[in-house]
Amino acid sequence: MSPQPIPALQFSSGDVAAASRVLAASALDRAARGEELWSPASLSPERLGRHYPPQGWTVAWRGDQAVGCFVLLGEDPLFWPHATPGEATYLHKLAVHPTAQGQGLSEVLLREAARQTLQGGRQLLRLDTATARPRLRAIYERFGFRHVDDLLVKTWAVSRYELRLHGSPAEAG
């Protein structure tokens, strides 16, 4: 059986409420599987708005349903405190809605994040993820992210990754 093609997605920016819905649904789904990722209370639009700039959010839509999201930051002093300013874009809160999981949308979202990184004039995309999440880490590694290191940030054991980008924004998308 050949894989089903991924239906075309549309992307919007700045929709914190839609991103919050995707993140909350994903968090609740993971918690039901015993894989808590984020506290649902930390994913309200108000809380997300305090910690991430609204213009950094990207939401993927299939028709009128928000099916994925992520946020890009120009700096990340908590997880990358020794980074040279302006050298990278930082990816956080990548999520796929439970009703759209298993369709390759993580890769589509990562391609869009890479495209936006190049469009912003940077050629390095970085992220951190929980060290104890081998399946999530495998998604990033299959996409081409290179494991940089593991470290403890406050009480979180994280693995840091980076992806060197080449080409134009059109080639990344």
Protein backbone atom coordinates (compact mmCIF):
# COMPACT_ATOMS: atom_id res chain seq x y z
CA MET A 1 0.00 0.00 0.00
CA SER A 2 1.49 3.35 -1.01
CA PRO A 3 1.31 6.31 1.37
CA GLN A 4 -1.54 8.72 0.92
CA PRO A 5 -0.57 12.15 -0.42
CA ILE A 6 -0.69 14.91 2.15
CA PRO A 7 -3.53 17.29 1.32
CA ALA A 8 -2.39 20.83 0.64
CA LEU A 9 -2.03 23.03 3.66
CA GLN A 10 -2.32 26.76 4.06
CA PHE A 11 -0.20 28.63 6.58
CA SER A 12 -1.12 31.65 8.65
CA SER A 13 0.95 33.66 11.08
CA GLY A 14 0.17 35.31 14.37
CA ASP A 15 -2.87 33.19 15.33
CA VAL A 16 -2.00 32.39 18.93
CA ALA A 17 -5.53 31.15 19.71
CA ALA A 18 -5.41 28.54 16.93
CA ALA A 19 -1.89 27.50 17.97
CA SER A 20 -3.13 27.13 21.54
CA ARG A 21 -5.93 24.79 20.40
CA VAL A 22 -3.49 22.58 18.47
CA LEU A 23 -1.02 22.49 21.34
CA ALA A 24 -3.69 21.75 23.96
CA ALA A 25 -5.19 18.92 21.88
CA SER A 26 -1.73 17.45 21.33
CA ALA A 27 -0.82 17.76 25.02
CA LEU A 28 -4.04 16.08 26.14
CA ASP A 29 -3.58 13.28 23.59
CA ARG A 30 0.01 12.67 24.75
CA ALA A 31 -1.00 12.73 28.41
CA ALA A 32 -3.72 10.13 27.71
CA ARG A 33 -0.94 7.91 26.30
CA GLY A 34 1.22 8.45 29.38
CA GLU A 35 3.62 10.70 27.46
CA GLU A 36 3.09 14.09 29.04
CA LEU A 37 4.81 16.73 26.93
CA TRP A 38 3.45 20.08 28.08
CA SER A 39 1.14 21.10 30.87
CA PRO A 40 -2.22 22.05 29.29
CA ALA A 41 -2.40 25.04 31.67
CA SER A 42 0.78 26.44 30.08
CA LEU A 43 -0.82 26.45 26.62
CA SER A 44 -3.54 29.08 26.98
CA PRO A 45 -3.42 31.90 24.42
CA GLU A 46 -2.68 34.37 27.23
CA ARG A 47 0.24 32.35 28.58
CA LEU A 48 1.66 31.66 25.11
CA GLY A 49 1.33 35.36 24.32
CA ARG A 50 3.43 36.25 27.37
CA HIS A 51 6.26 33.90 26.41
CA TYR A 52 6.30 34.00 22.61
CA PRO A 53 5.78 36.92 20.22
CA PRO A 54 2.49 36.58 18.31
CA GLN A 55 4.19 37.21 14.95
CA GLY A 56 6.45 34.19 15.55
CA TRP A 57 3.56 31.71 15.41
CA THR A 58 2.77 29.72 12.29
CA VAL A 59 -0.39 27.63 12.05
CA ALA A 60 -1.01 25.02 9.37
CA TRP A 61 -4.59 24.74 8.15
CA ARG A 62 -6.42 22.06 6.24
CA GLY A 63 -9.58 23.82 5.19
CA ASP A 64 -10.93 25.46 8.33
CA GLN A 65 -9.16 23.11 10.76
CA ALA A 66 -5.88 24.06 12.40
CA VAL A 67 -3.78 20.88 12.10
CA GLY A 68 -0.30 21.99 13.19
CA CYS A 69 1.76 24.83 14.59
CA PHE A 70 5.16 26.05 15.68
CA VAL A 71 6.80 29.24 16.84
CA LEU A 72 10.10 30.71 15.66
CA LEU A 73 12.27 32.97 17.79
CA GLY A 74 15.23 35.13 16.85
CA GLU A 75 17.06 34.24 20.06
CA ASP A 76 16.78 31.64 22.81
CA PRO A 77 18.88 32.67 25.82
CA LEU A 78 17.40 30.00 28.10
CA PHE A 79 18.35 26.97 26.01
CA TRP A 80 21.16 28.51 23.89
CA PRO A 81 22.74 31.06 26.27
CA HIS A 82 26.15 31.18 24.54
CA ALA A 83 24.86 31.53 20.98
CA THR A 84 26.11 34.38 18.86
CA PRO A 85 23.25 36.87 18.36
CA GLY A 86 21.70 36.67 14.90
CA GLU A 87 23.30 33.36 13.91
CA ALA A 88 20.21 31.14 14.17
CA THR A 89 16.46 30.91 14.35
CA TYR A 90 15.00 28.84 17.20
CA LEU A 91 12.05 26.47 16.81
CA HIS A 92 9.66 25.82 19.70
CA LYS A 93 6.26 24.25 20.30
CA LEU A 94 6.02 22.21 17.10
CA ALA A 95 2.79 20.21 17.30
CA VAL A 96 0.42 18.27 15.09
CA HIS A 97 -3.26 18.00 16.07
CA PRO A 98 -4.15 14.40 17.06
CA THR A 99 -6.68 14.13 14.24
CA ALA A 100 -3.89 14.80 11.71
CA GLN A 101 -1.08 12.73 13.19
CA GLY A 102 0.56 9.98 11.18
CA GLN A 103 0.26 11.88 7.88
CA GLY A 104 3.76 13.33 7.61
CA LEU A 105 2.76 16.77 8.84
CA SER A 106 5.75 17.08 11.19
CA GLU A 107 8.01 17.08 8.14
CA VAL A 108 5.80 19.63 6.37
CA LEU A 109 5.98 21.90 9.42
CA LEU A 110 9.75 21.48 9.65
CA ARG A 111 10.11 22.36 5.95
CA GLU A 112 8.04 25.50 6.52
CA ALA A 113 10.17 26.46 9.54
CA ALA A 114 13.31 25.98 7.40
CA ARG A 115 11.80 28.09 4.62
CA GLN A 116 10.95 30.89 7.03
CA THR A 117 14.43 30.71 8.58
CA LEU A 118 16.05 31.18 5.17
CA GLN A 119 13.56 33.92 4.29
CA GLY A 120 14.64 35.69 7.48
CA GLY A 121 18.25 35.63 6.30
CA ARG A 122 19.52 32.90 8.61
CA GLN A 123 20.94 29.53 7.64
CA LEU A 124 20.86 27.78 10.99
CA LEU A 125 17.68 26.39 12.59
CA ARG A 126 17.97 25.20 16.18
CA LEU A 127 15.68 23.46 18.63
CA ASP A 128 15.70 21.68 21.93
CA THR A 129 13.59 18.72 22.96
CA ALA A 130 13.23 16.47 25.97
CA THR A 131 16.12 14.01 26.08
CA ALA A 132 13.75 11.23 27.15
CA ARG A 133 11.71 11.44 23.91
CA PRO A 134 13.44 9.07 21.47
CA ARG A 135 10.58 9.04 18.93
CA LEU A 136 10.44 12.82 18.78
CA ARG A 137 14.20 13.04 18.55
CA ALA A 138 14.12 10.52 15.70
CA ILE A 139 11.75 12.79 13.73
CA TYR A 140 14.26 15.63 13.95
CA GLU A 141 17.20 13.39 13.11
CA ARG A 142 15.42 11.91 10.05
CA PHE A 143 14.77 15.44 8.86
CA GLY A 144 18.49 16.19 9.05
CA PHE A 145 18.97 17.92 12.39
CA ARG A 146 22.34 17.22 13.98
CA HIS A 147 22.46 16.41 17.69
CA VAL A 148 24.61 19.08 19.35
CA ASP A 149 24.54 18.04 23.01
CA ASP A 150 22.44 17.13 26.04
CA LEU A 151 22.18 19.40 29.04
CA LEU A 152 20.13 20.24 32.07
CA VAL A 153 18.28 23.56 31.86
CA LYS A 154 16.66 24.35 35.20
CA THR A 155 14.98 20.97 35.85
CA TRP A 156 14.65 19.87 32.20
CA ALA A 157 16.96 17.34 30.58
CA VAL A 158 17.11 18.53 26.98
CA SER A 159 18.81 17.52 23.78
CA ARG A 160 19.80 20.38 21.51
CA TYR A 161 19.75 20.08 17.73
CA GLU A 162 20.65 22.26 14.78
CA LEU A 163 20.10 22.15 11.05
CA ARG A 164 22.38 23.98 8.61
CA LEU A 165 20.25 25.29 5.74
CA HIS A 166 21.44 25.94 2.20
CA GLY A 167 19.77 27.54 -0.77
CA SER A 168 16.84 29.86 -1.10
CA PRO A 169 13.54 29.96 0.83
CA ALA A 170 11.78 28.47 -2.22
CA GLU A 171 14.12 25.45 -2.17
CA ALA A 172 13.42 24.83 1.53
CA GLY A 173 9.65 24.89 1.07
